[in-house]
């Protein structure tokens, strides 16, 4: 027994198709608006009792922005701490009895060093707060017994004069 060939233009494997020649049901209405009662189309459907979708778990890999911010914070902290450490032995921290050396050959800044150090150049005999010009600083330190030179710090808010003796 043989099966007759399918009619032209139809899929022989299609299922659920109405027989040829019978009208098909119209497509349901499309759109994003909810169906209102009394309108043709699909009947109202109750909402499905689905559980809400849980939030996506955070990524375990750090993001580029986080890494960049951490690097910036570390760099700033390193600069601040390095500056603080470098400034601890500046002349503004010198007290009477401390010894000083020139910070560098091209600088007029002084640094605190130990008096037993071979770098020690001068010993602080007196520290006087206030603003002093070249002439007033020299005049003021002449009043200090044993003073042979002076160091005046001006401008940075913490102004002072150090009367110095050779070591």
N, C-alpha and C. Protein backbone atom coordinates (compact mmCIF):
# COMPACT_ATOMS: atom_id res chain seq x y z
N UNK A 1 0.84 -1.15 0.00
CA UNK A 1 0.00 0.00 0.00
C UNK A 1 0.90 1.23 0.00
N UNK A 2 0.58 2.22 -0.71
CA UNK A 2 1.36 3.45 -0.83
C UNK A 2 0.54 4.62 -0.33
N UNK A 3 1.28 5.64 0.20
CA UNK A 3 0.58 6.84 0.68
C UNK A 3 0.57 7.87 -0.42
N UNK A 4 -0.50 8.60 -0.51
CA UNK A 4 -0.55 9.61 -1.58
C UNK A 4 0.44 10.74 -1.27
N UNK A 5 0.96 11.38 -2.30
CA UNK A 5 1.90 12.48 -2.06
C UNK A 5 1.18 13.67 -1.43
N UNK A 6 1.91 14.47 -0.65
CA UNK A 6 1.25 15.62 -0.01
C UNK A 6 0.89 16.67 -1.05
N UNK A 7 -0.10 17.48 -0.74
CA UNK A 7 -0.47 18.53 -1.68
C UNK A 7 0.70 19.50 -1.85
N UNK A 8 0.77 20.16 -2.99
CA UNK A 8 1.84 21.10 -3.31
C UNK A 8 1.88 22.25 -2.31
N UNK A 9 3.12 22.67 -1.84
CA UNK A 9 3.29 23.84 -0.98
C UNK A 9 3.05 23.57 0.49
N UNK A 10 2.85 22.32 0.90
CA UNK A 10 2.63 22.04 2.30
C UNK A 10 3.71 21.12 2.80
N UNK A 11 4.02 21.25 4.09
CA UNK A 11 5.03 20.43 4.75
C UNK A 11 4.39 19.11 5.13
N UNK A 12 4.91 17.98 4.65
CA UNK A 12 4.30 16.69 5.00
C UNK A 12 4.48 16.33 6.46
N UNK A 13 5.42 17.00 7.16
CA UNK A 13 5.68 16.65 8.55
C UNK A 13 4.98 17.59 9.52
N UNK A 14 4.30 18.59 9.05
CA UNK A 14 3.64 19.56 9.92
C UNK A 14 2.53 18.88 10.68
N UNK A 15 2.42 19.23 11.96
CA UNK A 15 1.38 18.66 12.79
C UNK A 15 0.48 19.78 13.29
N UNK A 16 -0.72 19.47 13.55
CA UNK A 16 -1.63 20.43 14.12
C UNK A 16 -2.11 21.45 13.11
N UNK A 17 -1.88 21.25 11.85
CA UNK A 17 -2.36 22.17 10.82
C UNK A 17 -3.79 21.76 10.44
N UNK A 18 -4.61 22.75 10.27
CA UNK A 18 -5.97 22.38 9.83
C UNK A 18 -5.93 21.83 8.40
N UNK A 19 -6.84 21.03 8.08
CA UNK A 19 -6.87 20.48 6.73
C UNK A 19 -6.97 21.60 5.70
N UNK A 20 -6.52 21.29 4.52
CA UNK A 20 -6.51 22.28 3.45
C UNK A 20 -7.94 22.69 3.14
N UNK A 21 -8.12 23.99 2.96
CA UNK A 21 -9.45 24.48 2.59
C UNK A 21 -10.25 24.96 3.78
N UNK A 22 -9.82 24.70 5.02
CA UNK A 22 -10.58 25.17 6.18
C UNK A 22 -9.95 26.47 6.68
N UNK A 23 -10.76 27.40 7.14
CA UNK A 23 -10.21 28.69 7.60
C UNK A 23 -9.43 28.51 8.91
N UNK A 24 -8.42 29.33 9.07
CA UNK A 24 -7.62 29.30 10.28
C UNK A 24 -8.13 30.36 11.25
N UNK A 25 -7.86 30.13 12.54
CA UNK A 25 -8.26 31.12 13.56
C UNK A 25 -7.37 32.35 13.43
N UNK A 26 -7.91 33.54 13.68
CA UNK A 26 -7.08 34.74 13.57
C UNK A 26 -6.00 34.75 14.66
N UNK A 27 -4.91 35.46 14.36
CA UNK A 27 -3.82 35.56 15.34
C UNK A 27 -4.29 36.34 16.55
N UNK A 28 -3.74 36.04 17.73
CA UNK A 28 -4.15 36.80 18.92
C UNK A 28 -3.63 38.24 18.80
N UNK A 29 -4.28 39.18 19.47
CA UNK A 29 -3.83 40.57 19.38
C UNK A 29 -2.44 40.73 19.98
N UNK A 30 -1.61 41.55 19.35
CA UNK A 30 -0.26 41.81 19.81
C UNK A 30 -0.23 43.15 20.53
N UNK A 31 0.72 43.32 21.41
CA UNK A 31 0.86 44.60 22.08
C UNK A 31 1.24 44.41 23.53
N UNK A 32 1.65 45.48 24.17
CA UNK A 32 2.09 45.39 25.54
C UNK A 32 1.05 45.81 26.54
N UNK A 33 -0.19 46.02 26.10
CA UNK A 33 -1.23 46.48 27.03
C UNK A 33 -2.00 45.29 27.57
N UNK A 34 -2.42 45.35 28.83
CA UNK A 34 -3.17 44.21 29.38
C UNK A 34 -4.53 44.08 28.69
N UNK A 35 -4.98 42.84 28.64
CA UNK A 35 -6.28 42.56 28.02
C UNK A 35 -7.38 43.06 28.93
N UNK A 36 -8.38 43.69 28.33
CA UNK A 36 -9.52 44.16 29.10
C UNK A 36 -10.66 43.18 28.92
N UNK A 37 -11.53 43.13 29.91
CA UNK A 37 -12.65 42.21 29.86
C UNK A 37 -13.58 42.58 28.71
N UNK A 38 -14.09 41.60 28.10
CA UNK A 38 -15.04 41.83 27.02
C UNK A 38 -14.36 42.02 25.68
N UNK A 39 -13.09 41.92 25.59
CA UNK A 39 -12.39 42.08 24.32
C UNK A 39 -12.11 40.69 23.77
N UNK A 40 -12.11 40.56 22.48
CA UNK A 40 -11.82 39.24 21.90
C UNK A 40 -10.35 38.90 22.04
N UNK A 41 -10.04 37.67 22.00
CA UNK A 41 -8.66 37.22 22.10
C UNK A 41 -8.53 36.18 23.18
N UNK A 42 -7.38 36.12 23.80
CA UNK A 42 -7.16 35.14 24.85
C UNK A 42 -7.87 35.57 26.11
N UNK A 43 -8.35 34.62 26.89
CA UNK A 43 -8.98 34.98 28.16
C UNK A 43 -7.93 35.45 29.16
N UNK A 44 -8.39 36.18 30.15
CA UNK A 44 -7.48 36.68 31.19
C UNK A 44 -6.80 35.50 31.88
N UNK A 45 -5.49 35.64 32.08
CA UNK A 45 -4.75 34.59 32.76
C UNK A 45 -4.33 35.08 34.12
N UNK A 46 -4.39 34.23 35.08
CA UNK A 46 -3.95 34.59 36.43
C UNK A 46 -2.42 34.67 36.42
N UNK A 47 -1.89 35.49 37.31
CA UNK A 47 -0.44 35.60 37.36
C UNK A 47 0.13 34.28 37.87
N UNK A 48 1.25 33.91 37.30
CA UNK A 48 1.88 32.65 37.66
C UNK A 48 2.53 32.79 39.03
N UNK A 49 2.48 31.79 39.85
CA UNK A 49 3.07 31.87 41.20
C UNK A 49 4.57 31.61 41.17
N UNK A 50 5.30 32.43 40.43
CA UNK A 50 6.75 32.27 40.35
C UNK A 50 7.42 33.03 41.48
N UNK A 51 8.51 32.49 41.94
CA UNK A 51 9.29 33.17 42.98
C UNK A 51 10.10 34.29 42.31
N UNK A 52 10.38 35.38 43.03
CA UNK A 52 11.18 36.46 42.42
C UNK A 52 12.59 35.96 42.11
N UNK A 53 13.16 36.52 41.09
CA UNK A 53 14.50 36.14 40.68
C UNK A 53 15.49 36.70 41.70
N UNK A 54 16.37 35.87 42.25
CA UNK A 54 17.34 36.38 43.24
C UNK A 54 18.34 37.31 42.56
N UNK A 55 18.86 38.29 43.30
CA UNK A 55 19.84 39.20 42.69
C UNK A 55 21.10 38.44 42.30
N UNK A 56 21.77 38.95 41.29
CA UNK A 56 22.97 38.29 40.79
C UNK A 56 24.08 38.40 41.83
N UNK A 57 24.76 37.31 42.06
CA UNK A 57 25.85 37.28 43.04
C UNK A 57 26.96 38.22 42.57
N UNK A 58 27.57 38.98 43.50
CA UNK A 58 28.65 39.89 43.09
C UNK A 58 29.85 39.11 42.54
N UNK A 59 30.51 39.74 41.63
CA UNK A 59 31.68 39.13 40.99
C UNK A 59 32.81 39.00 42.01
N UNK A 60 33.55 37.93 41.93
CA UNK A 60 34.66 37.70 42.87
C UNK A 60 35.92 38.42 42.42
N UNK A 61 36.03 38.76 41.13
CA UNK A 61 37.20 39.45 40.60
C UNK A 61 37.08 40.93 40.83
N UNK A 62 38.12 41.58 41.35
CA UNK A 62 38.04 43.03 41.53
C UNK A 62 38.01 43.73 40.18
N UNK A 63 37.25 44.79 40.12
CA UNK A 63 37.11 45.53 38.89
C UNK A 63 38.29 46.49 38.72
N UNK A 64 38.53 46.94 37.49
CA UNK A 64 39.64 47.85 37.18
C UNK A 64 39.52 49.13 37.99
N UNK A 65 38.32 49.65 38.13
CA UNK A 65 38.10 50.90 38.87
C UNK A 65 38.52 50.75 40.33
N UNK A 66 38.20 49.62 40.93
CA UNK A 66 38.57 49.36 42.33
C UNK A 66 40.08 49.29 42.46
N UNK A 67 40.74 48.57 41.56
CA UNK A 67 42.19 48.43 41.61
C UNK A 67 42.85 49.79 41.43
N UNK A 68 42.36 50.59 40.49
CA UNK A 68 42.91 51.92 40.23
C UNK A 68 42.79 52.79 41.47
N UNK A 69 41.62 52.78 42.12
CA UNK A 69 41.42 53.61 43.32
C UNK A 69 42.34 53.18 44.46
N UNK A 70 42.54 51.88 44.62
CA UNK A 70 43.43 51.38 45.68
C UNK A 70 44.87 51.83 45.40
N UNK A 71 45.30 51.74 44.14
CA UNK A 71 46.66 52.15 43.78
C UNK A 71 46.86 53.65 44.05
N UNK A 72 45.86 54.46 43.73
CA UNK A 72 45.96 55.91 43.96
C UNK A 72 46.07 56.19 45.46
N UNK A 73 45.24 55.55 46.27
CA UNK A 73 45.28 55.76 47.71
C UNK A 73 46.64 55.35 48.28
N UNK A 74 47.16 54.22 47.84
CA UNK A 74 48.47 53.76 48.33
C UNK A 74 49.57 54.74 47.92
N UNK A 75 49.52 55.26 46.69
CA UNK A 75 50.53 56.21 46.22
C UNK A 75 50.48 57.51 47.03
N UNK A 76 49.29 58.01 47.29
CA UNK A 76 49.16 59.25 48.07
C UNK A 76 49.66 59.03 49.50
N UNK A 77 49.28 57.92 50.12
CA UNK A 77 49.74 57.64 51.48
C UNK A 77 51.26 57.49 51.54
N UNK A 78 51.83 56.85 50.54
CA UNK A 78 53.28 56.69 50.49
C UNK A 78 53.97 58.05 50.39
N UNK A 79 53.44 58.95 49.56
CA UNK A 79 54.03 60.28 49.42
C UNK A 79 53.92 61.08 50.71
N UNK A 80 52.76 61.00 51.37
CA UNK A 80 52.56 61.74 52.62
C UNK A 80 53.48 61.21 53.72
N UNK A 81 53.54 59.90 53.86
CA UNK A 81 54.38 59.30 54.91
C UNK A 81 55.86 59.57 54.61
N UNK A 82 56.26 59.45 53.33
CA UNK A 82 57.64 59.74 52.96
C UNK A 82 58.02 61.18 53.24
N UNK A 83 57.12 62.11 52.93
CA UNK A 83 57.37 63.52 53.23
C UNK A 83 57.48 63.79 54.71
N UNK A 84 56.63 63.13 55.48
CA UNK A 84 56.66 63.32 56.93
C UNK A 84 57.98 62.79 57.51
N UNK A 85 58.39 61.61 57.05
CA UNK A 85 59.64 61.04 57.54
C UNK A 85 60.82 61.92 57.16
N UNK A 86 60.80 62.42 55.91
CA UNK A 86 61.91 63.26 55.46
C UNK A 86 61.96 64.59 56.20
N UNK A 87 60.82 65.08 56.65
CA UNK A 87 60.80 66.39 57.31
C UNK A 87 61.03 66.30 58.82
N UNK A 88 61.09 65.11 59.37
CA UNK A 88 61.28 64.98 60.82
C UNK A 88 62.59 65.55 61.30
N UNK A 89 63.59 65.53 60.43
CA UNK A 89 64.89 66.03 60.86
C UNK A 89 65.20 67.40 60.27
N UNK A 90 64.19 68.14 59.83
CA UNK A 90 64.40 69.51 59.36
C UNK A 90 64.74 70.41 60.54
N UNK A 91 65.29 71.57 60.23
CA UNK A 91 65.75 72.50 61.26
C UNK A 91 64.61 73.01 62.14
N UNK A 92 63.38 73.00 61.64
CA UNK A 92 62.27 73.49 62.47
C UNK A 92 61.98 72.56 63.64
N UNK A 93 62.54 71.36 63.64
CA UNK A 93 62.39 70.44 64.76
C UNK A 93 63.61 70.47 65.70
N UNK A 94 64.55 71.33 65.40
CA UNK A 94 65.77 71.41 66.22
C UNK A 94 65.47 72.10 67.54
N UNK A 95 66.11 71.64 68.58
CA UNK A 95 66.00 72.23 69.92
C UNK A 95 67.40 72.64 70.38
N UNK A 96 67.46 73.38 71.45
CA UNK A 96 68.75 73.79 72.02
C UNK A 96 69.53 72.53 72.37
N UNK A 97 70.79 72.48 71.92
CA UNK A 97 71.65 71.33 72.17
C UNK A 97 71.74 70.38 71.00
N UNK A 98 70.81 70.48 70.02
CA UNK A 98 70.88 69.62 68.83
C UNK A 98 71.97 70.11 67.89
N UNK A 99 72.48 69.20 67.06
CA UNK A 99 73.48 69.57 66.06
C UNK A 99 72.84 69.53 64.67
N UNK A 100 73.38 70.37 63.78
CA UNK A 100 72.83 70.50 62.44
C UNK A 100 73.91 70.29 61.39
N UNK A 101 73.47 69.93 60.19
CA UNK A 101 74.34 69.86 59.03
C UNK A 101 73.57 70.45 57.86
N UNK A 102 74.27 70.87 56.83
CA UNK A 102 73.62 71.37 55.62
C UNK A 102 72.90 70.21 54.94
N UNK A 103 71.68 70.48 54.46
CA UNK A 103 70.89 69.42 53.82
C UNK A 103 71.55 68.93 52.55
N UNK A 104 72.14 69.85 51.78
CA UNK A 104 72.89 69.47 50.57
C UNK A 104 73.81 70.63 50.22
N UNK A 105 74.73 70.39 49.34
CA UNK A 105 75.69 71.44 48.99
C UNK A 105 75.03 72.58 48.23
N UNK A 106 73.91 72.32 47.56
CA UNK A 106 73.24 73.36 46.79
C UNK A 106 72.07 74.00 47.54
N UNK A 107 71.85 73.58 48.78
CA UNK A 107 70.71 74.08 49.54
C UNK A 107 71.17 74.85 50.77
N UNK A 108 70.36 75.82 51.17
CA UNK A 108 70.66 76.54 52.40
C UNK A 108 69.85 75.98 53.57
N UNK A 109 69.22 74.84 53.38
CA UNK A 109 68.44 74.18 54.43
C UNK A 109 69.38 73.40 55.35
N UNK A 110 68.93 73.24 56.58
CA UNK A 110 69.70 72.50 57.58
C UNK A 110 68.89 71.31 58.06
N UNK A 111 69.59 70.26 58.47
CA UNK A 111 68.96 69.05 59.01
C UNK A 111 69.56 68.74 60.36
N UNK A 112 68.74 68.14 61.23
CA UNK A 112 69.21 67.72 62.55
C UNK A 112 69.99 66.41 62.39
N UNK A 113 71.16 66.34 63.01
CA UNK A 113 71.96 65.12 63.04
C UNK A 113 72.46 64.92 64.47
N UNK A 114 72.97 63.77 64.74
CA UNK A 114 73.55 63.51 66.05
C UNK A 114 74.84 64.30 66.23
N UNK A 115 75.11 64.81 67.43
CA UNK A 115 76.31 65.61 67.68
C UNK A 115 77.59 64.77 67.57
N UNK A 116 77.48 63.44 67.71
CA UNK A 116 78.65 62.58 67.57
C UNK A 116 78.91 62.20 66.11
N UNK A 117 78.04 62.66 65.19
CA UNK A 117 78.19 62.36 63.78
C UNK A 117 79.29 63.21 63.15
N UNK A 118 79.97 62.66 62.18
CA UNK A 118 81.02 63.41 61.48
C UNK A 118 80.41 64.48 60.56
N UNK A 119 79.10 64.38 60.31
CA UNK A 119 78.41 65.37 59.46
C UNK A 119 78.03 66.63 60.23
N UNK A 120 78.05 66.59 61.56
CA UNK A 120 77.62 67.73 62.37
C UNK A 120 78.49 68.95 62.06
N UNK A 121 77.83 70.08 61.77
CA UNK A 121 78.54 71.32 61.43
C UNK A 121 78.36 72.40 62.49
N UNK A 122 77.18 72.39 63.15
CA UNK A 122 76.90 73.45 64.13
C UNK A 122 76.00 72.91 65.22
N UNK A 123 76.07 73.58 66.39
CA UNK A 123 75.26 73.20 67.53
C UNK A 123 74.33 74.36 67.85
N UNK A 124 73.03 74.04 68.14
CA UNK A 124 72.04 75.07 68.44
C UNK A 124 72.25 75.56 69.87
N UNK A 125 72.50 76.87 70.01
CA UNK A 125 72.65 77.48 71.33
C UNK A 125 71.34 78.11 71.81
N UNK A 126 70.56 78.63 70.86
CA UNK A 126 69.29 79.26 71.24
C UNK A 126 68.34 79.22 70.05
N UNK A 127 67.05 79.00 70.35
CA UNK A 127 66.01 79.00 69.32
C UNK A 127 65.02 80.10 69.69
N UNK A 128 64.82 81.06 68.77
CA UNK A 128 63.96 82.21 69.05
C UNK A 128 62.86 82.23 67.99
N UNK A 129 61.60 82.26 68.45
CA UNK A 129 60.45 82.32 67.53
C UNK A 129 60.32 83.73 66.99
N UNK A 130 59.84 83.84 65.73
CA UNK A 130 59.57 85.14 65.14
C UNK A 130 60.23 85.28 63.78
N UNK A 131 59.92 86.41 63.11
CA UNK A 131 60.46 86.70 61.79
C UNK A 131 61.71 87.56 61.92
N UNK A 132 62.79 87.11 61.28
CA UNK A 132 64.06 87.84 61.35
C UNK A 132 64.63 87.99 59.96
N UNK A 133 65.05 89.21 59.65
CA UNK A 133 65.77 89.46 58.39
C UNK A 133 67.24 89.13 58.64
N UNK A 134 68.05 89.24 57.61
CA UNK A 134 69.48 88.96 57.72
C UNK A 134 70.13 89.83 58.81
N UNK A 135 69.82 91.10 58.80
CA UNK A 135 70.46 92.04 59.74
C UNK A 135 69.95 91.82 61.16
N UNK A 136 68.64 91.69 61.34
CA UNK A 136 68.10 91.52 62.69
C UNK A 136 68.51 90.17 63.28
N UNK A 137 68.63 89.11 62.44
CA UNK A 137 69.05 87.80 62.93
C UNK A 137 70.49 87.85 63.43
N UNK A 138 71.34 88.51 62.67
CA UNK A 138 72.74 88.62 63.07
C UNK A 138 72.87 89.42 64.37
N UNK A 139 72.12 90.50 64.48
CA UNK A 139 72.14 91.32 65.69
C UNK A 139 71.66 90.54 66.90
N UNK A 140 70.60 89.77 66.73
CA UNK A 140 70.02 89.00 67.83
C UNK A 140 70.98 87.91 68.31
N UNK A 141 71.66 87.22 67.38
CA UNK A 141 72.55 86.12 67.76
C UNK A 141 73.88 86.63 68.34
N UNK A 142 74.24 87.88 68.09
CA UNK A 142 75.45 88.43 68.73
C UNK A 142 75.27 88.53 70.23
N UNK A 143 74.01 88.59 70.68
CA UNK A 143 73.73 88.68 72.12
C UNK A 143 73.92 87.33 72.82
N UNK A 144 73.97 86.23 72.04
CA UNK A 144 74.10 84.88 72.60
C UNK A 144 75.58 84.54 72.71
N UNK A 145 76.01 84.18 73.92
CA UNK A 145 77.41 83.86 74.18
C UNK A 145 77.81 82.60 73.42
N UNK A 146 78.90 82.69 72.64
CA UNK A 146 79.44 81.55 71.92
C UNK A 146 78.87 81.37 70.52
N UNK A 147 77.88 82.16 70.13
CA UNK A 147 77.27 82.01 68.80
C UNK A 147 78.22 82.53 67.73
N UNK A 148 78.43 81.73 66.71
CA UNK A 148 79.31 82.12 65.60
C UNK A 148 78.55 82.29 64.29
N UNK A 149 77.33 81.74 64.21
CA UNK A 149 76.51 81.87 63.01
C UNK A 149 75.04 81.75 63.40
N UNK A 150 74.18 81.85 62.41
CA UNK A 150 72.74 81.73 62.68
C UNK A 150 72.07 81.06 61.49
N UNK A 151 70.86 80.60 61.73
CA UNK A 151 70.00 80.04 60.68
C UNK A 151 68.61 80.58 60.93
N UNK A 152 68.03 81.26 59.94
CA UNK A 152 66.69 81.83 60.07
C UNK A 152 65.75 81.14 59.09
N UNK A 153 64.62 80.71 59.57
CA UNK A 153 63.57 80.08 58.74
C UNK A 153 62.42 81.08 58.66
N UNK A 154 62.05 81.45 57.44
CA UNK A 154 60.96 82.42 57.26
C UNK A 154 60.02 81.95 56.17
N UNK A 155 58.79 82.42 56.26
CA UNK A 155 57.84 82.22 55.17
C UNK A 155 56.86 81.09 55.29
N UNK A 156 57.19 79.98 55.88
CA UNK A 156 56.30 78.82 55.91
C UNK A 156 55.35 78.82 57.10
N UNK A 157 55.15 79.96 57.72
CA UNK A 157 54.24 80.03 58.86
C UNK A 157 54.96 79.81 60.18
N UNK A 158 55.91 78.87 60.22
CA UNK A 158 56.68 78.60 61.43
C UNK A 158 58.03 79.31 61.28
N UNK A 159 58.08 80.57 61.67
CA UNK A 159 59.30 81.36 61.52
C UNK A 159 60.09 81.35 62.82
N UNK A 160 61.41 81.19 62.69
CA UNK A 160 62.26 81.12 63.88
C UNK A 160 63.69 81.46 63.50
N UNK A 161 64.51 81.62 64.52
CA UNK A 161 65.93 81.92 64.37
C UNK A 161 66.69 80.96 65.24
N UNK A 162 67.76 80.34 64.69
CA UNK A 162 68.63 79.47 65.46
C UNK A 162 69.99 80.13 65.54
N UNK A 163 70.46 80.35 66.75
CA UNK A 163 71.81 80.87 66.96
C UNK A 163 72.72 79.66 67.13
N UNK A 164 73.80 79.59 66.34
CA UNK A 164 74.61 78.39 66.25
C UNK A 164 76.05 78.63 66.66
N UNK A 165 76.67 77.56 67.15
CA UNK A 165 78.10 77.56 67.46
C UNK A 165 78.76 76.46 66.64
N UNK A 166 80.02 76.65 66.28
CA UNK A 166 80.73 75.60 65.53
C UNK A 166 80.94 74.38 66.40
N UNK A 167 80.93 73.20 65.77
CA UNK A 167 81.12 71.94 66.50
C UNK A 167 82.59 71.58 66.46
